[in-house]
Amino acid sequence: MNPPPLEAHRHGIALARPLFRALVLAAAGAACFFAPWTAAAAAGAVLLALAAVIAVLAVARWDRTHLSVTGSALVVEHGFLNRRTASISLNGTVFEVERTLLGRILGYGTVIAGELEIDCVPRRVTRVLQQRR
């Protein structure tokens, strides 16, 4: 009897870079509202809207990316409007897991299996992959 598939999202650290960009744009947009010119206030509104779009798209992209480890394959499904699926067999496939210092501290790494490279993979998924060696 095969164990149930392990399913996960990418690690939340995948949101750090786009959310930081959104925060910087939002701060710049808010700063524009303190300028005495009407054009600066309009630019501030545009920057705030752009920051909101970047944040929402980043979270939607993260939410729509799923990792699954079944009894015989690693499956990555991603996409919002167009869904794509990539899978690689666990049998005979060499998996490489790279972890930076921050990745070791926070519990994520990059999985490389052939031409498939997935970053921000949670520790619980990498452990399952490493146990199958």
C-alpha atoms as a PDB file:
ATOM      1  CA  MET A   1       0.000   0.000   0.000  1.00  0.00           C
ATOM      2  CA  ASN A   2       1.460   3.345  -1.050  1.00  0.00           C
ATOM      3  CA  PRO A   3       1.536   6.195   1.437  1.00  0.00           C
ATOM      4  CA  PRO A   4      -0.756   9.113   0.630  1.00  0.00           C
ATOM      5  CA  PRO A   5       0.821  11.810  -1.531  1.00  0.00           C
ATOM      6  CA  LEU A   6       2.571  14.653   0.243  1.00  0.00           C
ATOM      7  CA  GLU A   7       1.233  17.971  -1.026  1.00  0.00           C
ATOM      8  CA  ALA A   8       2.629  21.418  -0.289  1.00  0.00           C
ATOM      9  CA  HIS A   9       2.996  24.958  -1.551  1.00  0.00           C
ATOM     10  CA  ARG A  10       6.395  26.475  -2.097  1.00  0.00           C
ATOM     11  CA  HIS A  11       7.885  27.921   1.084  1.00  0.00           C
ATOM     12  CA  GLY A  12       6.536  31.339   2.067  1.00  0.00           C
ATOM     13  CA  ILE A  13       9.997  32.857   1.503  1.00  0.00           C
ATOM     14  CA  ALA A  14       9.091  32.807  -2.199  1.00  0.00           C
ATOM     15  CA  LEU A  15       6.882  35.817  -1.411  1.00  0.00           C
ATOM     16  CA  ALA A  16       9.649  37.866   0.221  1.00  0.00           C
ATOM     17  CA  ARG A  17      11.132  39.506  -2.895  1.00  0.00           C
ATOM     18  CA  PRO A  18       7.867  40.524  -4.631  1.00  0.00           C
ATOM     19  CA  LEU A  19       6.291  41.705  -1.382  1.00  0.00           C
ATOM     20  CA  PHE A  20       9.402  43.763  -0.598  1.00  0.00           C
ATOM     21  CA  ARG A  21       9.146  45.374  -4.049  1.00  0.00           C
ATOM     22  CA  ALA A  22       5.486  46.114  -3.402  1.00  0.00           C
ATOM     23  CA  LEU A  23       6.350  47.633  -0.023  1.00  0.00           C
ATOM     24  CA  VAL A  24       9.003  49.908  -1.567  1.00  0.00           C
ATOM     25  CA  LEU A  25       6.569  51.058  -4.261  1.00  0.00           C
ATOM     26  CA  ALA A  26       3.847  51.654  -1.669  1.00  0.00           C
ATOM     27  CA  ALA A  27       6.229  53.701   0.480  1.00  0.00           C
ATOM     28  CA  ALA A  28       7.238  55.775  -2.547  1.00  0.00           C
ATOM     29  CA  GLY A  29       3.569  56.239  -3.438  1.00  0.00           C
ATOM     30  CA  ALA A  30       2.706  57.320   0.090  1.00  0.00           C
ATOM     31  CA  ALA A  31       5.637  59.750   0.095  1.00  0.00           C
ATOM     32  CA  CYS A  32       4.295  61.315  -3.106  1.00  0.00           C
ATOM     33  CA  PHE A  33       1.136  62.347  -1.263  1.00  0.00           C
ATOM     34  CA  PHE A  34       3.203  64.664   0.943  1.00  0.00           C
ATOM     35  CA  ALA A  35       4.502  66.616  -2.049  1.00  0.00           C
ATOM     36  CA  PRO A  36       2.693  69.928  -2.676  1.00  0.00           C
ATOM     37  CA  TRP A  37       2.010  69.169  -6.369  1.00  0.00           C
ATOM     38  CA  THR A  38      -1.104  67.540  -7.771  1.00  0.00           C
ATOM     39  CA  ALA A  39       0.953  65.576 -10.280  1.00  0.00           C
ATOM     40  CA  ALA A  40       2.925  64.009  -7.439  1.00  0.00           C
ATOM     41  CA  ALA A  41      -0.303  62.895  -5.754  1.00  0.00           C
ATOM     42  CA  ALA A  42      -1.448  61.294  -9.019  1.00  0.00           C
ATOM     43  CA  ALA A  43       1.914  59.543  -9.344  1.00  0.00           C
ATOM     44  CA  GLY A  44       1.542  58.374  -5.745  1.00  0.00           C
ATOM     45  CA  ALA A  45      -1.836  56.851  -6.520  1.00  0.00           C
ATOM     46  CA  VAL A  46      -0.367  55.031  -9.521  1.00  0.00           C
ATOM     47  CA  LEU A  47       2.522  53.712  -7.418  1.00  0.00           C
ATOM     48  CA  LEU A  48       0.132  52.487  -4.714  1.00  0.00           C
ATOM     49  CA  ALA A  49      -2.022  50.739  -7.291  1.00  0.00           C
ATOM     50  CA  LEU A  50       1.046  49.131  -8.864  1.00  0.00           C
ATOM     51  CA  ALA A  51       2.222  47.951  -5.445  1.00  0.00           C
ATOM     52  CA  ALA A  52      -1.176  46.367  -4.797  1.00  0.00           C
ATOM     53  CA  VAL A  53      -1.136  44.586  -8.170  1.00  0.00           C
ATOM     54  CA  ILE A  54       2.386  43.227  -7.569  1.00  0.00           C
ATOM     55  CA  ALA A  55       1.423  41.941  -4.119  1.00  0.00           C
ATOM     56  CA  VAL A  56      -1.810  40.299  -5.289  1.00  0.00           C
ATOM     57  CA  LEU A  57      -0.132  38.641  -8.285  1.00  0.00           C
ATOM     58  CA  ALA A  58       2.712  37.318  -6.128  1.00  0.00           C
ATOM     59  CA  VAL A  59       0.334  35.758  -3.620  1.00  0.00           C
ATOM     60  CA  ALA A  60      -1.871  34.343  -6.404  1.00  0.00           C
ATOM     61  CA  ARG A  61       1.177  32.806  -8.134  1.00  0.00           C
ATOM     62  CA  TRP A  62       2.360  31.298  -4.837  1.00  0.00           C
ATOM     63  CA  ASP A  63      -1.110  29.971  -4.041  1.00  0.00           C
ATOM     64  CA  ARG A  64      -1.512  28.375  -7.481  1.00  0.00           C
ATOM     65  CA  THR A  65       1.809  26.464  -7.309  1.00  0.00           C
ATOM     66  CA  HIS A  66       1.480  22.997  -5.818  1.00  0.00           C
ATOM     67  CA  LEU A  67       4.152  20.391  -5.144  1.00  0.00           C
ATOM     68  CA  SER A  68       3.187  16.734  -4.729  1.00  0.00           C
ATOM     69  CA  VAL A  69       5.306  13.724  -3.955  1.00  0.00           C
ATOM     70  CA  THR A  70       3.439  10.557  -4.845  1.00  0.00           C
ATOM     71  CA  GLY A  71       4.676   7.001  -4.525  1.00  0.00           C
ATOM     72  CA  SER A  72       6.478   7.248  -7.847  1.00  0.00           C
ATOM     73  CA  ALA A  73       6.832  10.899  -8.925  1.00  0.00           C
ATOM     74  CA  LEU A  74       7.490  14.497  -7.968  1.00  0.00           C
ATOM     75  CA  VAL A  75       4.775  16.651  -9.542  1.00  0.00           C
ATOM     76  CA  VAL A  76       4.801  20.452  -9.821  1.00  0.00           C
ATOM     77  CA  GLU A  77       1.615  22.131 -10.970  1.00  0.00           C
ATOM     78  CA  HIS A  78       1.591  25.883 -11.529  1.00  0.00           C
ATOM     79  CA  GLY A  79      -0.196  28.644 -13.357  1.00  0.00           C
ATOM     80  CA  PHE A  80      -3.242  30.801 -12.887  1.00  0.00           C
ATOM     81  CA  LEU A  81      -5.074  31.007 -16.204  1.00  0.00           C
ATOM     82  CA  ASN A  82      -3.015  28.350 -17.955  1.00  0.00           C
ATOM     83  CA  ARG A  83      -2.153  25.409 -15.704  1.00  0.00           C
ATOM     84  CA  ARG A  84       1.093  23.548 -16.364  1.00  0.00           C
ATOM     85  CA  THR A  85       2.287  20.342 -14.830  1.00  0.00           C
ATOM     86  CA  ALA A  86       5.830  19.002 -14.697  1.00  0.00           C
ATOM     87  CA  SER A  87       6.659  15.636 -13.209  1.00  0.00           C
ATOM     88  CA  ILE A  88       9.693  13.489 -12.787  1.00  0.00           C
ATOM     89  CA  SER A  89       9.876   9.862 -11.782  1.00  0.00           C
ATOM     90  CA  LEU A  90      11.368   9.084  -8.382  1.00  0.00           C
ATOM     91  CA  ASN A  91      12.719   5.777  -9.643  1.00  0.00           C
ATOM     92  CA  GLY A  92      16.350   6.117 -10.657  1.00  0.00           C
ATOM     93  CA  THR A  93      16.275   9.915 -10.716  1.00  0.00           C
ATOM     94  CA  VAL A  94      19.091  11.732  -8.971  1.00  0.00           C
ATOM     95  CA  PHE A  95      17.789  14.565  -6.818  1.00  0.00           C
ATOM     96  CA  GLU A  96      20.044  17.345  -5.667  1.00  0.00           C
ATOM     97  CA  VAL A  97      18.944  19.609  -2.835  1.00  0.00           C
ATOM     98  CA  GLU A  98      20.731  22.918  -2.396  1.00  0.00           C
ATOM     99  CA  ARG A  99      20.234  24.925   0.781  1.00  0.00           C
ATOM    100  CA  THR A 100      21.667  28.314   1.532  1.00  0.00           C
ATOM    101  CA  LEU A 101      22.324  29.318   5.128  1.00  0.00           C
ATOM    102  CA  LEU A 102      19.001  31.181   5.196  1.00  0.00           C
ATOM    103  CA  GLY A 103      17.331  28.143   3.637  1.00  0.00           C
ATOM    104  CA  ARG A 104      18.686  25.877   6.358  1.00  0.00           C
ATOM    105  CA  ILE A 105      17.525  28.270   9.059  1.00  0.00           C
ATOM    106  CA  LEU A 106      14.032  28.812   7.614  1.00  0.00           C
ATOM    107  CA  GLY A 107      13.527  25.288   6.277  1.00  0.00           C
ATOM    108  CA  TYR A 108      13.564  25.436   2.491  1.00  0.00           C
ATOM    109  CA  GLY A 109      15.852  24.543  -0.392  1.00  0.00           C
ATOM    110  CA  THR A 110      16.140  24.203  -4.154  1.00  0.00           C
ATOM    111  CA  VAL A 111      15.444  20.781  -5.652  1.00  0.00           C
ATOM    112  CA  ILE A 112      17.225  19.904  -8.878  1.00  0.00           C
ATOM    113  CA  ALA A 113      16.199  16.730 -10.696  1.00  0.00           C
ATOM    114  CA  GLY A 114      17.481  16.537 -14.243  1.00  0.00           C
ATOM    115  CA  GLU A 115      16.280  19.651 -16.036  1.00  0.00           C
ATOM    116  CA  LEU A 116      13.600  20.347 -13.435  1.00  0.00           C
ATOM    117  CA  GLU A 117      14.657  22.978 -10.871  1.00  0.00           C
ATOM    118  CA  ILE A 118      12.261  24.108  -8.163  1.00  0.00           C
ATOM    119  CA  ASP A 119      13.220  26.787  -5.655  1.00  0.00           C
ATOM    120  CA  CYS A 120      11.745  27.446  -2.213  1.00  0.00           C
ATOM    121  CA  VAL A 121      10.761  23.815  -1.601  1.00  0.00           C
ATOM    122  CA  PRO A 122       9.758  23.209   2.046  1.00  0.00           C
ATOM    123  CA  ARG A 123      11.970  20.972   4.182  1.00  0.00           C
ATOM    124  CA  ARG A 124       9.266  18.307   4.595  1.00  0.00           C
ATOM    125  CA  VAL A 125       9.197  17.746   0.820  1.00  0.00           C
ATOM    126  CA  THR A 126      12.986  17.638   0.473  1.00  0.00           C
ATOM    127  CA  ARG A 127      13.185  15.103   3.311  1.00  0.00           C
ATOM    128  CA  VAL A 128      10.765  12.784   1.522  1.00  0.00           C
ATOM    129  CA  LEU A 129      12.770  13.084  -1.693  1.00  0.00           C
ATOM    130  CA  GLN A 130      16.041  12.383   0.100  1.00  0.00           C
ATOM    131  CA  GLN A 131      14.588   9.322   1.860  1.00  0.00           C
ATOM    132  CA  ARG A 132      13.781   7.738  -1.501  1.00  0.00           C
ATOM    133  CA  ARG A 133      17.437   7.489  -2.524  1.00  0.00           C
END
